[in-house]
């Protein structure tokens, strides 16, 4: 068994047309996040946790923000590629636990859909939760959104 942990943070965009994607779910009527790809912090934290558990580096190594191929990339595509890398390295995903840290928008309504989408994409349960920082720090001042994820992999070979 292998455990991996991932963390990601993105600031809110100044572009009013930028969409907010979290956990592979479009959050309507919300300010999007800045990033080279779709800036889905929840999925990016999951990707980093998967890569870390398999000792395959990090998201920046596999999907660098200096590579135009990933400009505007969908995190669903990045997650599928990461799952393939993890499986080729001889591991299967057992479970993941993901926490989104945001003062706004309120996410309770979207959590079950995020869990379903991420679980389907990985073929394993992904538990999703959301919390706030009670107004503390940059996330508490509503400057952006963060996410933290822990995964469990099982060696298959």
C-alpha atoms as a PDB file:
ATOM      1  CA  UNK A   1       0.000   0.000   0.000  1.00  0.00           C
ATOM      2  CA  UNK A   2       1.151   3.554  -0.731  1.00  0.00           C
ATOM      3  CA  UNK A   3      -0.169   6.854   0.628  1.00  0.00           C
ATOM      4  CA  UNK A   4       0.116  10.132  -1.276  1.00  0.00           C
ATOM      5  CA  UNK A   5      -0.789  13.689  -0.389  1.00  0.00           C
ATOM      6  CA  UNK A   6      -1.484  16.647  -2.679  1.00  0.00           C
ATOM      7  CA  UNK A   7      -2.146  20.327  -2.107  1.00  0.00           C
ATOM      8  CA  UNK A   8      -3.093  23.017  -4.607  1.00  0.00           C
ATOM      9  CA  UNK A   9      -4.122  26.675  -4.353  1.00  0.00           C
ATOM     10  CA  UNK A  10      -5.246  29.108  -7.064  1.00  0.00           C
ATOM     11  CA  UNK A  11      -6.231  32.760  -6.806  1.00  0.00           C
ATOM     12  CA  UNK A  12      -9.519  34.028  -8.186  1.00  0.00           C
ATOM     13  CA  UNK A  13      -9.388  35.328 -11.745  1.00  0.00           C
ATOM     14  CA  UNK A  14      -9.966  38.941 -12.707  1.00  0.00           C
ATOM     15  CA  UNK A  15     -11.528  37.680 -15.967  1.00  0.00           C
ATOM     16  CA  UNK A  16     -15.314  37.646 -15.455  1.00  0.00           C
ATOM     17  CA  UNK A  17     -15.683  35.069 -18.240  1.00  0.00           C
ATOM     18  CA  UNK A  18     -13.414  32.522 -16.494  1.00  0.00           C
ATOM     19  CA  UNK A  19     -15.402  29.484 -15.344  1.00  0.00           C
ATOM     20  CA  UNK A  20     -15.006  27.822 -11.946  1.00  0.00           C
ATOM     21  CA  UNK A  21     -14.295  24.089 -12.150  1.00  0.00           C
ATOM     22  CA  UNK A  22     -13.962  22.103  -8.923  1.00  0.00           C
ATOM     23  CA  UNK A  23     -13.782  18.325  -8.701  1.00  0.00           C
ATOM     24  CA  UNK A  24     -14.641  18.013 -12.428  1.00  0.00           C
ATOM     25  CA  UNK A  25     -17.859  19.977 -11.851  1.00  0.00           C
ATOM     26  CA  UNK A  26     -18.686  23.395 -13.306  1.00  0.00           C
ATOM     27  CA  UNK A  27     -19.864  25.704 -10.520  1.00  0.00           C
ATOM     28  CA  UNK A  28     -22.315  28.135 -12.142  1.00  0.00           C
ATOM     29  CA  UNK A  29     -22.415  31.841 -11.352  1.00  0.00           C
ATOM     30  CA  UNK A  30     -19.050  31.753  -9.587  1.00  0.00           C
ATOM     31  CA  UNK A  31     -15.745  33.503 -10.217  1.00  0.00           C
ATOM     32  CA  UNK A  32     -13.201  31.216 -11.870  1.00  0.00           C
ATOM     33  CA  UNK A  33      -9.627  30.625 -10.798  1.00  0.00           C
ATOM     34  CA  UNK A  34      -6.400  31.722 -12.489  1.00  0.00           C
ATOM     35  CA  UNK A  35      -4.308  28.975 -14.002  1.00  0.00           C
ATOM     36  CA  UNK A  36      -2.652  27.634 -17.130  1.00  0.00           C
ATOM     37  CA  UNK A  37      -5.220  24.831 -17.386  1.00  0.00           C
ATOM     38  CA  UNK A  38      -8.824  25.003 -16.145  1.00  0.00           C
ATOM     39  CA  UNK A  39      -7.398  25.631 -12.613  1.00  0.00           C
ATOM     40  CA  UNK A  40      -9.513  22.924 -10.954  1.00  0.00           C
ATOM     41  CA  UNK A  41      -7.694  22.989  -7.585  1.00  0.00           C
ATOM     42  CA  UNK A  42      -9.574  19.984  -6.252  1.00  0.00           C
ATOM     43  CA  UNK A  43      -8.630  17.729  -9.150  1.00  0.00           C
ATOM     44  CA  UNK A  44      -5.080  19.104  -9.188  1.00  0.00           C
ATOM     45  CA  UNK A  45      -4.628  18.186  -5.513  1.00  0.00           C
ATOM     46  CA  UNK A  46      -5.920  14.688  -6.334  1.00  0.00           C
ATOM     47  CA  UNK A  47      -3.509  14.393  -9.280  1.00  0.00           C
ATOM     48  CA  UNK A  48      -0.556  15.438  -7.092  1.00  0.00           C
ATOM     49  CA  UNK A  49      -1.554  12.925  -4.410  1.00  0.00           C
ATOM     50  CA  UNK A  50      -1.750  10.118  -6.988  1.00  0.00           C
ATOM     51  CA  UNK A  51       1.609  11.000  -8.496  1.00  0.00           C
ATOM     52  CA  UNK A  52       3.216  11.288  -5.073  1.00  0.00           C
ATOM     53  CA  UNK A  53       1.930   7.919  -3.877  1.00  0.00           C
ATOM     54  CA  UNK A  54       3.323   6.253  -7.010  1.00  0.00           C
ATOM     55  CA  UNK A  55       6.633   8.184  -6.733  1.00  0.00           C
ATOM     56  CA  UNK A  56       6.068   9.713 -10.173  1.00  0.00           C
ATOM     57  CA  UNK A  57       6.876  13.348  -9.434  1.00  0.00           C
ATOM     58  CA  UNK A  58       4.264  16.076  -9.385  1.00  0.00           C
ATOM     59  CA  UNK A  59       1.676  17.762 -11.567  1.00  0.00           C
ATOM     60  CA  UNK A  60       4.135  20.434 -12.718  1.00  0.00           C
ATOM     61  CA  UNK A  61       6.491  17.757 -14.021  1.00  0.00           C
ATOM     62  CA  UNK A  62       3.835  15.995 -16.102  1.00  0.00           C
ATOM     63  CA  UNK A  63       1.689  19.005 -17.077  1.00  0.00           C
ATOM     64  CA  UNK A  64       4.010  22.055 -16.963  1.00  0.00           C
ATOM     65  CA  UNK A  65       2.544  25.542 -17.218  1.00  0.00           C
ATOM     66  CA  UNK A  66       5.326  26.344 -19.682  1.00  0.00           C
ATOM     67  CA  UNK A  67       3.900  23.874 -22.214  1.00  0.00           C
ATOM     68  CA  UNK A  68       1.265  25.323 -24.547  1.00  0.00           C
ATOM     69  CA  UNK A  69      -0.297  21.853 -24.941  1.00  0.00           C
ATOM     70  CA  UNK A  70      -1.772  22.317 -21.479  1.00  0.00           C
ATOM     71  CA  UNK A  71      -3.070  25.866 -21.942  1.00  0.00           C
ATOM     72  CA  UNK A  72      -6.742  25.637 -21.030  1.00  0.00           C
ATOM     73  CA  UNK A  73      -6.462  21.871 -20.532  1.00  0.00           C
ATOM     74  CA  UNK A  74      -9.367  20.128 -18.838  1.00  0.00           C
ATOM     75  CA  UNK A  75      -8.472  18.538 -15.535  1.00  0.00           C
ATOM     76  CA  UNK A  76     -10.542  15.488 -16.503  1.00  0.00           C
ATOM     77  CA  UNK A  77      -8.022  14.809 -19.283  1.00  0.00           C
ATOM     78  CA  UNK A  78      -5.092  15.344 -16.916  1.00  0.00           C
ATOM     79  CA  UNK A  79      -6.662  13.018 -14.324  1.00  0.00           C
ATOM     80  CA  UNK A  80      -7.211  10.269 -16.928  1.00  0.00           C
ATOM     81  CA  UNK A  81      -3.568  10.554 -18.019  1.00  0.00           C
ATOM     82  CA  UNK A  82      -2.454  10.422 -14.379  1.00  0.00           C
ATOM     83  CA  UNK A  83      -4.550   7.317 -13.688  1.00  0.00           C
ATOM     84  CA  UNK A  84      -2.900   5.662 -16.675  1.00  0.00           C
ATOM     85  CA  UNK A  85       0.579   6.591 -15.395  1.00  0.00           C
ATOM     86  CA  UNK A  86      -0.222   5.218 -11.945  1.00  0.00           C
ATOM     87  CA  UNK A  87      -1.608   1.977 -13.362  1.00  0.00           C
ATOM     88  CA  UNK A  88       1.407   1.530 -15.683  1.00  0.00           C
ATOM     89  CA  UNK A  89       3.635   1.987 -12.631  1.00  0.00           C
ATOM     90  CA  UNK A  90       1.915  -1.041 -11.071  1.00  0.00           C
ATOM     91  CA  UNK A  91      -0.712   0.492  -8.769  1.00  0.00           C
ATOM     92  CA  UNK A  92      -4.478   0.654  -8.465  1.00  0.00           C
ATOM     93  CA  UNK A  93      -6.359   3.416  -6.675  1.00  0.00           C
ATOM     94  CA  UNK A  94      -8.063   2.203  -3.497  1.00  0.00           C
ATOM     95  CA  UNK A  95      -9.561   5.474  -2.249  1.00  0.00           C
ATOM     96  CA  UNK A  96      -9.071   9.215  -1.948  1.00  0.00           C
ATOM     97  CA  UNK A  97     -10.138  11.839   0.570  1.00  0.00           C
ATOM     98  CA  UNK A  98     -10.332  15.395  -0.758  1.00  0.00           C
ATOM     99  CA  UNK A  99     -10.992  18.633   1.136  1.00  0.00           C
ATOM    100  CA  UNK A 100     -11.735  21.914  -0.648  1.00  0.00           C
ATOM    101  CA  UNK A 101     -10.931  25.070   1.328  1.00  0.00           C
ATOM    102  CA  UNK A 102     -13.080  28.048   0.305  1.00  0.00           C
ATOM    103  CA  UNK A 103     -15.067  30.822   1.923  1.00  0.00           C
ATOM    104  CA  UNK A 104     -17.027  31.319  -1.315  1.00  0.00           C
ATOM    105  CA  UNK A 105     -18.862  29.923  -3.162  1.00  0.00           C
ATOM    106  CA  UNK A 106     -20.809  27.645  -0.863  1.00  0.00           C
ATOM    107  CA  UNK A 107     -20.223  24.120  -2.168  1.00  0.00           C
ATOM    108  CA  UNK A 108     -22.501  21.772  -0.176  1.00  0.00           C
ATOM    109  CA  UNK A 109     -24.914  21.387  -3.095  1.00  0.00           C
ATOM    110  CA  UNK A 110     -22.101  20.287  -5.467  1.00  0.00           C
ATOM    111  CA  UNK A 111     -20.196  17.879  -3.183  1.00  0.00           C
ATOM    112  CA  UNK A 112     -22.146  14.695  -4.100  1.00  0.00           C
ATOM    113  CA  UNK A 113     -21.680  15.368  -7.822  1.00  0.00           C
ATOM    114  CA  UNK A 114     -17.960  16.032  -7.351  1.00  0.00           C
ATOM    115  CA  UNK A 115     -17.588  12.751  -5.461  1.00  0.00           C
ATOM    116  CA  UNK A 116     -19.475  10.873  -8.176  1.00  0.00           C
ATOM    117  CA  UNK A 117     -17.505  12.409 -11.069  1.00  0.00           C
ATOM    118  CA  UNK A 118     -14.103  11.916  -9.451  1.00  0.00           C
ATOM    119  CA  UNK A 119     -14.953   8.382  -8.285  1.00  0.00           C
ATOM    120  CA  UNK A 120     -16.084   7.433 -11.777  1.00  0.00           C
ATOM    121  CA  UNK A 121     -12.926   8.903 -13.321  1.00  0.00           C
ATOM    122  CA  UNK A 122     -10.680   6.934 -10.938  1.00  0.00           C
ATOM    123  CA  UNK A 123     -12.684   3.747 -10.557  1.00  0.00           C
ATOM    124  CA  UNK A 124     -12.460   4.128  -6.770  1.00  0.00           C
ATOM    125  CA  UNK A 125     -14.233   6.059  -4.045  1.00  0.00           C
ATOM    126  CA  UNK A 126     -13.260   9.721  -3.773  1.00  0.00           C
ATOM    127  CA  UNK A 127     -14.716  11.333  -0.666  1.00  0.00           C
ATOM    128  CA  UNK A 128     -15.144  15.104  -1.075  1.00  0.00           C
ATOM    129  CA  UNK A 129     -15.612  17.650   1.691  1.00  0.00           C
ATOM    130  CA  UNK A 130     -15.473  21.426   1.939  1.00  0.00           C
ATOM    131  CA  UNK A 131     -14.421  23.717   4.745  1.00  0.00           C
ATOM    132  CA  UNK A 132     -13.522  27.350   5.371  1.00  0.00           C
ATOM    133  CA  UNK A 133     -10.616  28.968   7.189  1.00  0.00           C
ATOM    134  CA  UNK A 134     -13.000  31.022   9.344  1.00  0.00           C
ATOM    135  CA  UNK A 135     -11.768  34.173   7.605  1.00  0.00           C
ATOM    136  CA  UNK A 136      -8.072  33.561   8.307  1.00  0.00           C
ATOM    137  CA  UNK A 137      -5.316  34.006   5.722  1.00  0.00           C
ATOM    138  CA  UNK A 138      -5.507  34.541   1.968  1.00  0.00           C
ATOM    139  CA  UNK A 139      -8.213  31.912   1.497  1.00  0.00           C
ATOM    140  CA  UNK A 140     -10.175  33.424   4.373  1.00  0.00           C
ATOM    141  CA  UNK A 141      -9.973  36.821   2.707  1.00  0.00           C
ATOM    142  CA  UNK A 142     -11.555  35.162  -0.357  1.00  0.00           C
ATOM    143  CA  UNK A 143      -8.476  35.651  -2.536  1.00  0.00           C
ATOM    144  CA  UNK A 144      -8.711  32.100  -3.887  1.00  0.00           C
ATOM    145  CA  UNK A 145      -9.506  28.455  -3.237  1.00  0.00           C
ATOM    146  CA  UNK A 146      -7.305  25.634  -1.992  1.00  0.00           C
ATOM    147  CA  UNK A 147      -7.581  21.862  -1.781  1.00  0.00           C
ATOM    148  CA  UNK A 148      -5.860  19.058   0.073  1.00  0.00           C
ATOM    149  CA  UNK A 149      -6.077  15.382  -0.874  1.00  0.00           C
ATOM    150  CA  UNK A 150      -4.832  12.058   0.471  1.00  0.00           C
ATOM    151  CA  UNK A 151      -4.918   8.867  -1.623  1.00  0.00           C
ATOM    152  CA  UNK A 152      -4.306   5.194  -0.991  1.00  0.00           C
ATOM    153  CA  UNK A 153      -2.803   3.046  -3.751  1.00  0.00           C
ATOM    154  CA  UNK A 154      -2.396  -0.723  -3.834  1.00  0.00           C
ATOM    155  CA  UNK A 155       0.544  -2.342  -5.600  1.00  0.00           C
ATOM    156  CA  UNK A 156      -0.761  -4.625  -8.361  1.00  0.00           C
ATOM    157  CA  UNK A 157       2.485  -6.108  -9.671  1.00  0.00           C
END
